[in-house]
Protein backbone atom coordinates (compact mmCIF):
# COMPACT_ATOMS: atom_id res chain seq x y z
CA MET A 1 -9.54 9.40 -9.89
CA VAL A 2 -8.17 11.09 -13.21
CA HIS A 3 -8.47 10.60 -16.66
CA ASN A 4 -5.26 9.46 -18.54
CA ASP A 5 -5.23 10.51 -22.42
CA ILE A 6 -1.21 8.95 -22.28
CA PRO A 7 -1.23 5.27 -22.65
CA ALA A 8 -0.53 3.09 -19.23
CA GLN A 9 3.26 3.77 -18.30
CA ALA A 10 3.90 5.63 -22.11
CA THR A 11 5.47 8.06 -20.02
CA ILE A 12 8.26 5.90 -18.20
CA ALA A 13 8.94 3.94 -21.54
CA GLU A 14 9.48 7.60 -22.84
CA THR A 15 11.63 8.88 -20.35
CA ASN A 16 13.66 6.20 -19.31
CA PRO A 17 17.09 4.85 -20.36
CA PRO A 18 17.51 1.39 -22.38
CA THR A 19 16.40 -1.53 -20.16
CA GLY A 20 19.56 -2.88 -20.08
CA SER A 21 20.37 -0.26 -17.95
CA PRO A 22 20.62 -0.39 -14.06
CA ARG A 23 17.70 3.14 -13.94
CA GLY A 24 15.70 0.72 -16.77
CA LEU A 25 15.90 -2.54 -14.58
CA ARG A 26 14.18 -0.59 -12.06
CA THR A 27 11.24 0.84 -14.13
CA ARG A 28 11.03 -2.87 -15.60
CA LEU A 29 10.03 -3.54 -11.91
CA LEU A 30 8.09 -0.25 -11.52
CA ASP A 31 5.87 -1.52 -14.95
CA ARG A 32 5.68 -4.90 -13.66
CA PHE A 33 4.53 -4.06 -9.82
CA PHE A 34 2.79 -0.58 -10.34
CA LEU A 35 -0.09 0.75 -13.10
CA GLU A 36 -0.37 3.85 -13.83
CA GLY A 37 -2.75 6.76 -13.46
CA GLN A 38 -3.30 10.64 -13.47
CA VAL A 39 -5.94 12.38 -10.71
CA LEU A 40 -8.46 13.95 -13.08
CA GLU A 41 -10.46 15.23 -10.32
CA THR A 42 -11.02 16.51 -6.46
CA GLU A 43 -13.69 16.83 -4.13
CA GLN A 44 -14.06 17.80 -1.15
CA ILE A 45 -17.52 15.75 -0.05
CA ALA A 46 -17.17 15.99 3.84
CA ALA A 47 -15.21 17.90 7.12
CA ARG A 48 -12.41 15.96 5.64
CA MET A 49 -13.08 13.90 3.58
CA ARG A 50 -11.56 14.25 0.24
CA ARG A 51 -13.05 11.94 -3.23
CA ILE A 52 -10.54 12.25 -5.63
CA ARG A 53 -10.81 10.59 -8.92
CA ILE A 54 -8.15 8.76 -11.13
CA GLY A 55 -8.27 7.71 -14.82
CA GLY A 56 -6.28 6.08 -17.60
CA PRO A 57 -5.93 2.90 -20.05
CA ALA A 58 -4.06 1.03 -16.97
CA LEU A 59 -8.38 1.27 -15.28
CA HIS A 60 -9.56 -1.07 -17.48
CA GLY A 61 -10.73 -4.12 -16.47
CA LEU A 62 -9.12 -4.11 -12.84
CA ASN A 63 -10.68 -7.30 -10.86
CA TRP A 64 -12.39 -4.90 -7.96
CA LEU A 65 -14.74 -6.20 -5.09
CA PRO A 66 -17.13 -3.30 -3.49
CA GLY A 67 -14.87 -3.05 0.50
CA GLN A 68 -11.15 -3.99 -2.00
CA GLN A 69 -8.76 -0.93 -1.53
CA ILE A 70 -5.91 -0.25 -3.76
CA ARG A 71 -2.06 0.23 -2.69
CA ILE A 72 -1.20 3.85 -3.95
CA ALA A 73 3.08 5.38 -4.10
CA THR A 74 3.46 7.62 -2.39
CA GLY A 75 6.67 8.67 -3.52
CA ASP A 76 7.39 11.38 -6.34
CA PRO A 77 7.92 10.00 -9.46
CA ASP A 78 11.09 11.99 -10.76
CA ALA A 79 13.02 10.82 -7.91
CA GLU A 80 16.07 9.08 -8.02
CA GLY A 81 15.86 5.48 -7.24
CA ILE A 82 13.39 3.57 -6.94
CA MET A 83 12.46 3.82 -3.40
CA GLY A 84 12.07 7.36 -4.00
CA ARG A 85 10.22 6.89 -6.68
CA ILE A 86 7.32 4.61 -4.70
CA GLY A 87 7.82 6.31 -1.70
CA ASP A 88 5.82 5.34 1.22
CA LEU A 89 3.17 2.53 0.37
CA ARG A 90 -0.38 3.78 1.87
CA THR A 91 -3.56 1.82 1.93
CA TYR A 92 -7.14 3.84 0.37
CA SER A 93 -10.62 2.03 0.16
CA VAL A 94 -12.23 2.29 -3.30
CA TRP A 95 -15.27 4.22 -3.06
CA HIS A 96 -16.57 3.73 -6.84
CA TYR A 97 -15.00 2.08 -9.43
CA ASP A 98 -16.37 2.35 -13.06
CA PRO A 99 -14.50 0.03 -15.66
CA ASP A 100 -15.56 1.81 -18.60
CA ALA A 101 -14.94 4.47 -18.17
CA ALA A 102 -11.78 3.31 -16.10
CA GLU A 103 -11.64 5.52 -13.51
CA ILE A 104 -11.24 4.73 -10.00
CA HIS A 105 -12.60 7.15 -6.96
CA LEU A 106 -11.37 7.08 -3.71
CA CYS A 107 -11.90 9.29 -0.17
CA VAL A 108 -9.52 9.98 1.48
CA MET A 109 -9.49 10.97 5.05
CA ASP A 110 -7.13 14.46 5.70
CA HIS A 111 -6.31 12.94 9.53
CA GLY A 112 -2.40 14.55 10.10
CA GLU A 113 0.66 15.16 8.70
CA GLY A 114 1.29 10.83 7.35
CA PRO A 115 2.02 9.89 4.10
CA GLY A 116 -1.64 8.75 3.19
CA ALA A 117 -2.99 11.89 4.62
CA THR A 118 -0.81 14.01 2.92
CA TRP A 119 -0.94 12.61 -0.43
CA GLY A 120 -4.27 13.05 -0.11
CA ARG A 121 -4.39 16.73 0.84
CA GLU A 122 -1.74 17.45 -2.40
CA ALA A 123 -3.15 15.44 -4.37
CA LYS A 124 -4.28 17.99 -8.13
CA PRO A 125 -5.40 17.23 -11.28
CA GLY A 126 -2.30 15.97 -13.56
CA LEU A 127 -0.71 14.63 -10.56
CA ALA A 128 0.50 10.48 -12.20
CA VAL A 129 -0.38 7.97 -9.79
CA ARG A 130 1.16 4.48 -9.72
CA PHE A 131 -0.65 1.89 -7.88
CA ARG A 132 -1.15 -2.18 -7.41
CA GLY A 133 -4.52 -3.43 -8.20
CA PRO A 134 -7.30 -4.06 -6.21
CA GLU A 135 -6.64 -6.43 -3.31
CA GLY A 136 -8.26 -6.71 0.02
CA SER A 137 -10.68 -9.73 2.49
CA LEU A 138 -13.20 -6.56 3.20
CA THR A 139 -15.79 -7.92 0.72
CA LEU A 140 -19.52 -8.90 1.51
CA ARG A 141 -20.28 -12.32 2.73
CA PRO A 142 -22.76 -13.45 -0.32
CA ASP A 143 -24.14 -16.09 2.76
CA ALA A 144 -24.63 -13.92 5.14
CA GLY A 145 -28.17 -13.88 6.72
CA TYR A 146 -27.86 -10.14 7.53
CA HIS A 147 -24.72 -8.04 7.50
CA LEU A 148 -23.69 -5.76 10.56
CA PHE A 149 -20.89 -2.91 10.02
CA ALA A 150 -18.85 -0.83 12.34
CA GLY A 151 -16.26 1.99 12.44
CA GLU A 152 -15.23 5.24 11.78
CA GLU A 153 -14.44 7.76 9.40
CA THR A 154 -11.77 6.27 7.63
CA ALA A 155 -14.41 2.91 7.48
CA SER A 156 -17.18 4.43 5.60
CA ALA A 157 -14.86 5.12 2.11
CA ALA A 158 -14.67 1.06 2.27
CA PHE A 159 -18.36 0.14 3.82
CA GLY A 160 -19.91 2.58 1.15
CA PRO A 161 -19.42 0.27 -2.07
CA MET A 162 -20.87 -2.20 0.38
CA LEU A 163 -23.70 -1.01 1.18
CA ARG A 164 -24.93 -0.16 -1.77
CA ALA A 165 -23.59 -3.99 -2.98
CA VAL A 166 -25.52 -5.45 -0.58
CA PRO A 167 -29.15 -7.13 -2.14
CA GLY A 168 -33.10 -4.93 -0.88
CA HIS A 169 -33.88 -8.10 0.54
CA ILE A 170 -31.20 -8.56 3.58
CA PRO A 171 -31.25 -6.56 6.74
CA VAL A 172 -27.80 -4.30 7.34
CA TYR A 173 -27.95 -3.72 11.45
CA GLY A 174 -24.32 -0.96 12.38
CA ALA A 175 -22.88 2.40 13.12
CA ILE A 176 -20.95 4.18 11.93
CA GLU A 177 -19.27 6.87 14.59
CA THR A 178 -17.54 10.46 12.93
CA ALA A 179 -16.57 12.81 15.57
CA THR A 180 -18.86 15.22 13.37
CA GLU A 181 -21.90 15.53 11.57
CA ALA A 182 -20.14 17.45 8.65
CA ASP A 183 -17.91 14.75 8.59
CA ARG A 184 -20.16 11.79 7.84
CA LEU A 185 -19.73 10.37 4.17
CA PRO A 186 -23.55 9.94 2.55
CA LEU A 187 -23.92 6.32 2.85
CA HIS A 188 -26.98 3.87 0.49
CA ARG A 189 -29.53 2.30 3.46
CA ALA A 190 -27.90 5.20 6.16
CA VAL A 191 -31.42 4.80 7.49
CA ALA A 192 -30.76 1.59 8.53
CA LEU A 193 -26.93 2.02 10.23
CA THR A 194 -27.08 4.44 14.03
CA ARG A 195 -23.78 7.56 13.46
CA PRO A 196 -22.82 8.08 16.72
CA LEU A 197 -21.21 11.25 17.56
CA ARG A 198 -17.67 11.08 19.70
CA GLY A 199 -17.15 14.21 19.57
CA THR A 200 -13.72 15.38 20.98
CA ALA A 201 -13.52 11.92 21.95
CA SER A 202 -11.10 9.91 20.61
CA ALA A 203 -11.39 7.43 17.88
CA ALA A 204 -8.74 4.97 18.57
CA ARG A 205 -10.30 1.95 21.25
CA SER A 206 -14.03 4.20 21.18
CA GLN A 207 -16.32 3.47 23.62
CA THR A 208 -19.33 5.36 22.12
CA LEU A 209 -18.50 2.95 18.55
CA LEU A 210 -18.48 -0.41 21.38
CA ASP A 211 -21.26 1.91 23.58
CA ALA A 212 -23.67 1.94 19.95
CA ILE A 213 -22.94 -1.61 18.72
CA ARG A 214 -24.18 -3.16 22.23
CA ALA A 215 -27.36 -0.98 21.57
CA ILE A 216 -28.39 -2.37 18.44
CA ASP A 217 -31.28 -5.07 18.87
CA LEU A 218 -30.14 -7.75 17.02
CA PRO A 219 -31.11 -10.82 15.23
CA ALA A 220 -30.98 -13.76 17.54
CA GLU A 221 -28.52 -15.95 15.23
CA PRO A 222 -25.52 -14.32 13.99
CA GLY A 223 -24.92 -12.33 10.67
CA VAL A 224 -21.33 -11.59 9.35
CA ALA A 225 -19.80 -8.46 11.24
CA TYR A 226 -17.51 -6.37 9.19
CA LEU A 227 -15.37 -4.48 12.11
CA ALA A 228 -12.62 -1.62 10.23
CA GLY A 229 -10.63 1.25 10.98
CA GLU A 230 -8.78 1.96 14.26
CA ALA A 231 -7.30 -1.20 15.26
CA ARG A 232 -8.00 -1.48 18.96
CA THR A 233 -11.23 -0.48 18.30
CA ILE A 234 -11.99 -3.80 16.15
CA GLN A 235 -10.59 -5.75 18.78
CA MET A 236 -12.87 -4.54 21.44
CA ILE A 237 -16.44 -5.16 18.99
CA SER A 238 -15.38 -8.36 18.43
CA GLY A 239 -14.31 -9.37 21.33
CA TYR A 240 -17.90 -8.03 21.96
CA LEU A 241 -19.27 -10.45 19.52
CA VAL A 242 -17.32 -14.01 20.38
CA ARG A 243 -17.11 -13.69 23.86
CA GLU A 244 -21.06 -12.01 24.90
CA ARG A 245 -23.13 -12.63 21.59
CA HIS A 246 -20.86 -16.34 20.81
CA TRP A 247 -20.61 -14.90 17.58
CA PRO A 248 -18.56 -17.53 15.62
CA ARG A 249 -15.15 -15.93 15.15
CA ARG A 250 -15.24 -16.78 11.02
CA SER A 251 -17.86 -14.71 11.19
CA VAL A 252 -16.14 -11.48 12.19
CA VAL A 253 -14.69 -9.81 9.04
CA THR A 254 -11.87 -7.69 10.28
CA LYS A 255 -9.73 -4.51 8.70
CA PRO A 256 -7.81 -2.41 10.83
CA PHE A 257 -6.66 0.86 9.00
CA TRP A 258 -5.09 2.38 11.42
CA THR A 259 -3.52 3.02 15.15
CA PRO A 260 -1.57 5.92 16.93
CA GLY A 261 1.47 5.38 16.46
CA LYS A 262 2.24 2.88 14.50
CA ARG A 263 3.94 3.14 11.40
CA GLY A 264 2.24 2.44 8.06
CA MET A 265 -0.50 3.23 9.32
CA ASP A 266 -1.14 6.67 9.92
């Protein structure tokens, strides 16, 4: 995301009233729970995916593991009231983190008019960004005999850094579904993955992705599966692995990012 020539949170401290006032109290709450950076650069890297580079001193030394995400406050930083300034919190997977440069890169999909997609579409260099530090349990299991990945466009942003982190001697299987070839992100070890196209079909409850996972010739013993993206599709694939392939549930890591009509997952 961005580069910041201003010390983290300096703008807040310099432009807000004394911390003894109600507004000052709200500022301290924002400072306590949110980090601040700035959009440095945006780049279209797939038909509906933008890479957003954020930077700033607050991004030094973050504890991030491949697959984790950050939560961004999509509100107006200059709005009155803490809720106006935070707005809707939306979650974005971290595509790349450079601790030395103090930069985070996000891949944000333009998939409608929800707050998350709108923020990603309208973000421009210079935009102040308030966000929570990296979090999430969608991370690699180091003891896995092999890794299985399944998801669509929204999952590929999390899977990218996870695939880069898998040691070369550990087998990788999986399917990453997209609507078209132009929607595909560049993924490390993509040769090991099936890349099915669903065309105009919905990504929700995707039979295309389930069929692609069914068709993979997996080893007899379970590995660890990472299922991310649309919630109902995840449920279908998890059910297949547990009920038909007899995988233990603890070997299936799930992360629903969205589902039609559910507020907060748009």
